[in-house]
Amino acid sequence: AVKAGGDRQELHEKIRELSMQAGAHVKV
């Protein structure tokens, strides 16, 4: 995504949020 022009810091935070959602989807 960074190679496609995205901002690494913003992408890192977004993927962290989505990972938490996915984790809850699995565990909860």
PDB file of all heavy atoms in Angstrom:
ATOM      1  N   ALA A   1       0.829  -1.212   0.000  1.00  0.00           N
ATOM      2  CA  ALA A   1       0.000   0.000   0.000  1.00  0.00           C
ATOM      3  C   ALA A   1       0.862   1.259   0.000  1.00  0.00           C
ATOM      4  O   ALA A   1       0.512   2.263  -0.633  1.00  0.00           O
ATOM      5  CB  ALA A   1      -0.929  -0.013   1.209  1.00  0.00           C
ATOM      6  N   VAL A   2       1.999   1.198   0.698  1.00  0.00           N
ATOM      7  CA  VAL A   2       2.924   2.345   0.702  1.00  0.00           C
ATOM      8  C   VAL A   2       3.486   2.563  -0.696  1.00  0.00           C
ATOM      9  O   VAL A   2       3.590   3.703  -1.188  1.00  0.00           O
ATOM     10  CB  VAL A   2       4.057   2.125   1.726  1.00  0.00           C
ATOM     11  CG1 VAL A   2       5.162   3.167   1.549  1.00  0.00           C
ATOM     12  CG2 VAL A   2       3.512   2.181   3.144  1.00  0.00           C
ATOM     13  N   LYS A   3       3.854   1.453  -1.365  1.00  0.00           N
ATOM     14  CA  LYS A   3       4.375   1.561  -2.734  1.00  0.00           C
ATOM     15  C   LYS A   3       3.343   2.197  -3.664  1.00  0.00           C
ATOM     16  O   LYS A   3       3.707   2.858  -4.647  1.00  0.00           O
ATOM     17  CB  LYS A   3       4.739   0.171  -3.251  1.00  0.00           C
ATOM     18  CG  LYS A   3       5.970  -0.422  -2.594  1.00  0.00           C
ATOM     19  CD  LYS A   3       6.218  -1.843  -3.116  1.00  0.00           C
ATOM     20  CE  LYS A   3       7.362  -2.501  -2.370  1.00  0.00           C
ATOM     21  NZ  LYS A   3       7.553  -3.917  -2.832  1.00  0.00           N
ATOM     22  N   ALA A   4       2.071   1.988  -3.354  1.00  0.00           N
ATOM     23  CA  ALA A   4       0.989   2.566  -4.187  1.00  0.00           C
ATOM     24  C   ALA A   4       0.697   4.008  -3.822  1.00  0.00           C
ATOM     25  O   ALA A   4      -0.245   4.601  -4.353  1.00  0.00           O
ATOM     26  CB  ALA A   4      -0.261   1.716  -4.044  1.00  0.00           C
ATOM     27  N   GLY A   5       1.468   4.587  -2.879  1.00  0.00           N
ATOM     28  CA  GLY A   5       1.313   5.999  -2.538  1.00  0.00           C
ATOM     29  C   GLY A   5       0.750   6.285  -1.169  1.00  0.00           C
ATOM     30  O   GLY A   5       0.538   7.445  -0.805  1.00  0.00           O
ATOM     31  N   GLY A   6       0.494   5.297  -0.365  1.00  0.00           N
ATOM     32  CA  GLY A   6      -0.083   5.511   0.947  1.00  0.00           C
ATOM     33  C   GLY A   6       0.934   6.011   1.968  1.00  0.00           C
ATOM     34  O   GLY A   6       2.153   5.902   1.782  1.00  0.00           O
ATOM     35  N   ASP A   7       0.432   6.557   3.088  1.00  0.00           N
ATOM     36  CA  ASP A   7       1.267   7.046   4.194  1.00  0.00           C
ATOM     37  C   ASP A   7       1.465   5.908   5.200  1.00  0.00           C
ATOM     38  O   ASP A   7       0.483   5.372   5.724  1.00  0.00           O
ATOM     39  CB  ASP A   7       0.569   8.236   4.864  1.00  0.00           C
ATOM     40  CG  ASP A   7       1.390   8.802   6.018  1.00  0.00           C
ATOM     41  OD1 ASP A   7       1.388   8.181   7.106  1.00  0.00           O
ATOM     42  OD2 ASP A   7       2.030   9.845   5.821  1.00  0.00           O
ATOM     43  N   ARG A   8       2.726   5.572   5.462  1.00  0.00           N
ATOM     44  CA  ARG A   8       2.993   4.399   6.289  1.00  0.00           C
ATOM     45  C   ARG A   8       2.379   4.506   7.672  1.00  0.00           C
ATOM     46  O   ARG A   8       1.820   3.539   8.196  1.00  0.00           O
ATOM     47  CB  ARG A   8       4.497   4.149   6.410  1.00  0.00           C
ATOM     48  CG  ARG A   8       4.783   2.819   7.141  1.00  0.00           C
ATOM     49  CD  ARG A   8       6.206   2.689   7.635  1.00  0.00           C
ATOM     50  NE  ARG A   8       6.395   1.394   8.264  1.00  0.00           N
ATOM     51  CZ  ARG A   8       5.972   1.067   9.478  1.00  0.00           C
ATOM     52  NH1 ARG A   8       5.287   1.949  10.199  1.00  0.00           N
ATOM     53  NH2 ARG A   8       6.194  -0.140   9.971  1.00  0.00           N
ATOM     54  N   GLN A   9       2.499   5.662   8.310  1.00  0.00           N
ATOM     55  CA  GLN A   9       2.011   5.801   9.676  1.00  0.00           C
ATOM     56  C   GLN A   9       0.486   5.674   9.727  1.00  0.00           C
ATOM     57  O   GLN A   9      -0.068   5.019  10.624  1.00  0.00           O
ATOM     58  CB  GLN A   9       2.444   7.152  10.267  1.00  0.00           C
ATOM     59  CG  GLN A   9       3.955   7.375  10.270  1.00  0.00           C
ATOM     60  CD  GLN A   9       4.704   6.205  10.880  1.00  0.00           C
ATOM     61  OE1 GLN A   9       4.314   5.685  11.925  1.00  0.00           O
ATOM     62  NE2 GLN A   9       5.771   5.776  10.216  1.00  0.00           N
ATOM     63  N   GLU A  10      -0.184   6.271   8.758  1.00  0.00           N
ATOM     64  CA  GLU A  10      -1.639   6.166   8.719  1.00  0.00           C
ATOM     65  C   GLU A  10      -2.081   4.727   8.441  1.00  0.00           C
ATOM     66  O   GLU A  10      -3.024   4.217   9.051  1.00  0.00           O
ATOM     67  CB  GLU A  10      -2.206   7.102   7.646  1.00  0.00           C
ATOM     68  CG  GLU A  10      -2.046   8.584   7.975  1.00  0.00           C
ATOM     69  CD  GLU A  10      -2.597   9.473   6.875  1.00  0.00           C
ATOM     70  OE1 GLU A  10      -3.148   8.912   5.885  1.00  0.00           O
ATOM     71  OE2 GLU A  10      -2.481  10.713   7.002  1.00  0.00           O
ATOM     72  N   LEU A  11      -1.369   4.077   7.502  1.00  0.00           N
ATOM     73  CA  LEU A  11      -1.691   2.691   7.166  1.00  0.00           C
ATOM     74  C   LEU A  11      -1.450   1.763   8.355  1.00  0.00           C
ATOM     75  O   LEU A  11      -2.219   0.826   8.594  1.00  0.00           O
ATOM     76  CB  LEU A  11      -0.855   2.235   5.965  1.00  0.00           C
ATOM     77  CG  LEU A  11      -1.213   2.892   4.622  1.00  0.00           C
ATOM     78  CD1 LEU A  11      -0.160   2.557   3.583  1.00  0.00           C
ATOM     79  CD2 LEU A  11      -2.595   2.433   4.154  1.00  0.00           C
ATOM     80  N   HIS A  12      -0.369   2.020   9.091  1.00  0.00           N
ATOM     81  CA  HIS A  12      -0.052   1.195  10.263  1.00  0.00           C
ATOM     82  C   HIS A  12      -1.172   1.279  11.294  1.00  0.00           C
ATOM     83  O   HIS A  12      -1.607   0.267  11.858  1.00  0.00           O
ATOM     84  CB  HIS A  12       1.273   1.655  10.886  1.00  0.00           C
ATOM     85  CG  HIS A  12       1.715   0.801  12.043  1.00  0.00           C
ATOM     86  ND1 HIS A  12       1.218   0.977  13.327  1.00  0.00           N
ATOM     87  CD2 HIS A  12       2.584  -0.243  12.120  1.00  0.00           C
ATOM     88  CE1 HIS A  12       1.770   0.097  14.141  1.00  0.00           C
ATOM     89  NE2 HIS A  12       2.610  -0.662  13.433  1.00  0.00           N
ATOM     90  N   GLU A  13      -1.663   2.495  11.543  1.00  0.00           N
ATOM     91  CA  GLU A  13      -2.731   2.667  12.521  1.00  0.00           C
ATOM     92  C   GLU A  13      -4.028   2.012  12.033  1.00  0.00           C
ATOM     93  O   GLU A  13      -4.737   1.362  12.813  1.00  0.00           O
ATOM     94  CB  GLU A  13      -2.965   4.153  12.786  1.00  0.00           C
ATOM     95  CG  GLU A  13      -4.127   4.468  13.722  1.00  0.00           C
ATOM     96  CD  GLU A  13      -4.001   3.825  15.098  1.00  0.00           C
ATOM     97  OE1 GLU A  13      -2.850   3.531  15.523  1.00  0.00           O
ATOM     98  OE2 GLU A  13      -5.050   3.599  15.760  1.00  0.00           O
ATOM     99  N   LYS A  14      -4.293   2.137  10.752  1.00  0.00           N
ATOM    100  CA  LYS A  14      -5.524   1.559  10.218  1.00  0.00           C
ATOM    101  C   LYS A  14      -5.492   0.038  10.284  1.00  0.00           C
ATOM    102  O   LYS A  14      -6.482  -0.594  10.696  1.00  0.00           O
ATOM    103  CB  LYS A  14      -5.720   2.015   8.762  1.00  0.00           C
ATOM    104  CG  LYS A  14      -7.062   1.605   8.173  1.00  0.00           C
ATOM    105  CD  LYS A  14      -8.221   2.252   8.945  1.00  0.00           C
ATOM    106  CE  LYS A  14      -9.563   1.877   8.350  1.00  0.00           C
ATOM    107  NZ  LYS A  14     -10.696   2.453   9.099  1.00  0.00           N
ATOM    108  N   ILE A  15      -4.342  -0.530   9.941  1.00  0.00           N
ATOM    109  CA  ILE A  15      -4.262  -1.991   9.943  1.00  0.00           C
ATOM    110  C   ILE A  15      -4.281  -2.520  11.369  1.00  0.00           C
ATOM    111  O   ILE A  15      -4.752  -3.640  11.632  1.00  0.00           O
ATOM    112  CB  ILE A  15      -3.011  -2.467   9.160  1.00  0.00           C
ATOM    113  CG1 ILE A  15      -3.330  -3.798   8.478  1.00  0.00           C
ATOM    114  CG2 ILE A  15      -1.776  -2.604  10.035  1.00  0.00           C
ATOM    115  CD1 ILE A  15      -2.370  -4.154   7.351  1.00  0.00           C
ATOM    116  N   ARG A  16      -3.781  -1.704  12.314  1.00  0.00           N
ATOM    117  CA  ARG A  16      -3.867  -2.103  13.719  1.00  0.00           C
ATOM    118  C   ARG A  16      -5.326  -2.178  14.158  1.00  0.00           C
ATOM    119  O   ARG A  16      -5.748  -3.139  14.815  1.00  0.00           O
ATOM    120  CB  ARG A  16      -3.096  -1.108  14.599  1.00  0.00           C
ATOM    121  CG  ARG A  16      -3.012  -1.527  16.063  1.00  0.00           C
ATOM    122  CD  ARG A  16      -2.446  -0.398  16.909  1.00  0.00           C
ATOM    123  NE  ARG A  16      -3.398   0.707  17.024  1.00  0.00           N
ATOM    124  CZ  ARG A  16      -4.404   0.730  17.888  1.00  0.00           C
ATOM    125  NH1 ARG A  16      -4.643  -0.288  18.702  1.00  0.00           N
ATOM    126  NH2 ARG A  16      -5.222   1.764  17.931  1.00  0.00           N
ATOM    127  N   GLU A  17      -6.114  -1.167  13.778  1.00  0.00           N
ATOM    128  CA  GLU A  17      -7.538  -1.150  14.136  1.00  0.00           C
ATOM    129  C   GLU A  17      -8.279  -2.338  13.521  1.00  0.00           C
ATOM    130  O   GLU A  17      -9.080  -3.004  14.194  1.00  0.00           O
ATOM    131  CB  GLU A  17      -8.173   0.161  13.657  1.00  0.00           C
ATOM    132  CG  GLU A  17      -7.654   1.401  14.376  1.00  0.00           C
ATOM    133  CD  GLU A  17      -8.208   2.680  13.756  1.00  0.00           C
ATOM    134  OE1 GLU A  17      -9.007   2.557  12.785  1.00  0.00           O
ATOM    135  OE2 GLU A  17      -7.841   3.772  14.208  1.00  0.00           O
ATOM    136  N   LEU A  18      -8.009  -2.599  12.251  1.00  0.00           N
ATOM    137  CA  LEU A  18      -8.697  -3.701  11.567  1.00  0.00           C
ATOM    138  C   LEU A  18      -8.286  -5.061  12.156  1.00  0.00           C
ATOM    139  O   LEU A  18      -9.103  -5.982  12.239  1.00  0.00           O
ATOM    140  CB  LEU A  18      -8.387  -3.664  10.066  1.00  0.00           C
ATOM    141  CG  LEU A  18      -8.886  -2.413   9.317  1.00  0.00           C
ATOM    142  CD1 LEU A  18      -8.449  -2.457   7.855  1.00  0.00           C
ATOM    143  CD2 LEU A  18     -10.415  -2.301   9.416  1.00  0.00           C
ATOM    144  N   SER A  19      -7.026  -5.166  12.571  1.00  0.00           N
ATOM    145  CA  SER A  19      -6.556  -6.418  13.191  1.00  0.00           C
ATOM    146  C   SER A  19      -7.281  -6.666  14.499  1.00  0.00           C
ATOM    147  O   SER A  19      -7.623  -7.815  14.828  1.00  0.00           O
ATOM    148  CB  SER A  19      -5.046  -6.355  13.421  1.00  0.00           C
ATOM    149  OG  SER A  19      -4.342  -6.285  12.202  1.00  0.00           O
ATOM    150  N   MET A  20      -7.526  -5.608  15.252  1.00  0.00           N
ATOM    151  CA  MET A  20      -8.264  -5.748  16.513  1.00  0.00           C
ATOM    152  C   MET A  20      -9.694  -6.213  16.249  1.00  0.00           C
ATOM    153  O   MET A  20     -10.235  -7.057  16.965  1.00  0.00           O
ATOM    154  CB  MET A  20      -8.272  -4.424  17.279  1.00  0.00           C
ATOM    155  CG  MET A  20      -6.908  -3.988  17.783  1.00  0.00           C
ATOM    156  SD  MET A  20      -6.230  -5.139  18.983  1.00  0.00           S
ATOM    157  CE  MET A  20      -4.625  -4.397  19.280  1.00  0.00           C
ATOM    158  N   GLN A  21     -10.305  -5.646  15.213  1.00  0.00           N
ATOM    159  CA  GLN A  21     -11.675  -6.058  14.859  1.00  0.00           C
ATOM    160  C   GLN A  21     -11.708  -7.538  14.460  1.00  0.00           C
ATOM    161  O   GLN A  21     -12.586  -8.294  14.867  1.00  0.00           O
ATOM    162  CB  GLN A  21     -12.199  -5.202  13.707  1.00  0.00           C
ATOM    163  CG  GLN A  21     -12.463  -3.747  14.061  1.00  0.00           C
ATOM    164  CD  GLN A  21     -12.946  -2.953  12.864  1.00  0.00           C
ATOM    165  OE1 GLN A  21     -13.686  -3.473  12.014  1.00  0.00           O
ATOM    166  NE2 GLN A  21     -12.549  -1.687  12.785  1.00  0.00           N
ATOM    167  N   ALA A  22     -10.724  -7.923  13.648  1.00  0.00           N
ATOM    168  CA  ALA A  22     -10.672  -9.319  13.206  1.00  0.00           C
ATOM    169  C   ALA A  22     -10.409 -10.251  14.387  1.00  0.00           C
ATOM    170  O   ALA A  22     -10.991 -11.345  14.471  1.00  0.00           O
ATOM    171  CB  ALA A  22      -9.582  -9.497  12.147  1.00  0.00           C
ATOM    172  N   GLY A  23      -9.559  -9.797  15.310  1.00  0.00           N
ATOM    173  CA  GLY A  23      -9.280 -10.607  16.497  1.00  0.00           C
ATOM    174  C   GLY A  23     -10.524 -10.828  17.320  1.00  0.00           C
ATOM    175  O   GLY A  23     -10.780 -11.932  17.819  1.00  0.00           O
ATOM    176  N   ALA A  24     -11.330  -9.788  17.459  1.00  0.00           N
ATOM    177  CA  ALA A  24     -12.588  -9.912  18.207  1.00  0.00           C
ATOM    178  C   ALA A  24     -13.560 -10.823  17.472  1.00  0.00           C
ATOM    179  O   ALA A  24     -14.300 -11.597  18.093  1.00  0.00           O
ATOM    180  CB  ALA A  24     -13.204  -8.528  18.419  1.00  0.00           C
ATOM    181  N   HIS A  25     -13.540 -10.744  16.147  1.00  0.00           N
ATOM    182  CA  HIS A  25     -14.407 -11.595  15.327  1.00  0.00           C
ATOM    183  C   HIS A  25     -14.109 -13.071  15.592  1.00  0.00           C
ATOM    184  O   HIS A  25     -15.010 -13.911  15.661  1.00  0.00           O
ATOM    185  CB  HIS A  25     -14.174 -11.247  13.852  1.00  0.00           C
ATOM    186  CG  HIS A  25     -15.238 -11.746  12.930  1.00  0.00           C
ATOM    187  ND1 HIS A  25     -15.047 -12.779  12.046  1.00  0.00           N
ATOM    188  CD2 HIS A  25     -16.537 -11.350  12.755  1.00  0.00           C
ATOM    189  CE1 HIS A  25     -16.155 -13.002  11.371  1.00  0.00           C
ATOM    190  NE2 HIS A  25     -17.084 -12.138  11.773  1.00  0.00           N
ATOM    191  N   VAL A  26     -12.812 -13.367  15.765  1.00  0.00           N
ATOM    192  CA  VAL A  26     -12.396 -14.755  16.012  1.00  0.00           C
ATOM    193  C   VAL A  26     -12.642 -15.146  17.476  1.00  0.00           C
ATOM    194  O   VAL A  26     -13.270 -16.181  17.771  1.00  0.00           O
ATOM    195  CB  VAL A  26     -10.901 -14.932  15.666  1.00  0.00           C
ATOM    196  CG1 VAL A  26     -10.409 -16.309  16.109  1.00  0.00           C
ATOM    197  CG2 VAL A  26     -10.674 -14.729  14.173  1.00  0.00           C
ATOM    198  N   LYS A  27     -12.160 -14.333  18.409  1.00  0.00           N
ATOM    199  CA  LYS A  27     -12.144 -14.741  19.822  1.00  0.00           C
ATOM    200  C   LYS A  27     -13.467 -14.492  20.548  1.00  0.00           C
ATOM    201  O   LYS A  27     -13.862 -15.278  21.401  1.00  0.00           O
ATOM    202  CB  LYS A  27     -10.999 -14.023  20.540  1.00  0.00           C
ATOM    203  CG  LYS A  27      -9.625 -14.533  20.114  1.00  0.00           C
ATOM    204  CD  LYS A  27      -8.502 -13.916  20.933  1.00  0.00           C
ATOM    205  CE  LYS A  27      -8.153 -12.538  20.474  1.00  0.00           C
ATOM    206  NZ  LYS A  27      -6.934 -11.995  21.119  1.00  0.00           N
ATOM    207  N   VAL A  28     -14.137 -13.407  20.200  1.00  0.00           N
ATOM    208  CA  VAL A  28     -15.382 -13.087  20.895  1.00  0.00           C
ATOM    209  C   VAL A  28     -16.576 -13.776  20.237  1.00  0.00           C
ATOM    210  O   VAL A  28     -17.436 -14.360  20.901  1.00  0.00           O
ATOM    211  CB  VAL A  28     -15.608 -11.566  20.947  1.00  0.00           C
ATOM    212  CG1 VAL A  28     -16.952 -11.243  21.617  1.00  0.00           C
ATOM    213  CG2 VAL A  28     -14.463 -10.887  21.702  1.00  0.00           C
TER     214      VAL A  28
END
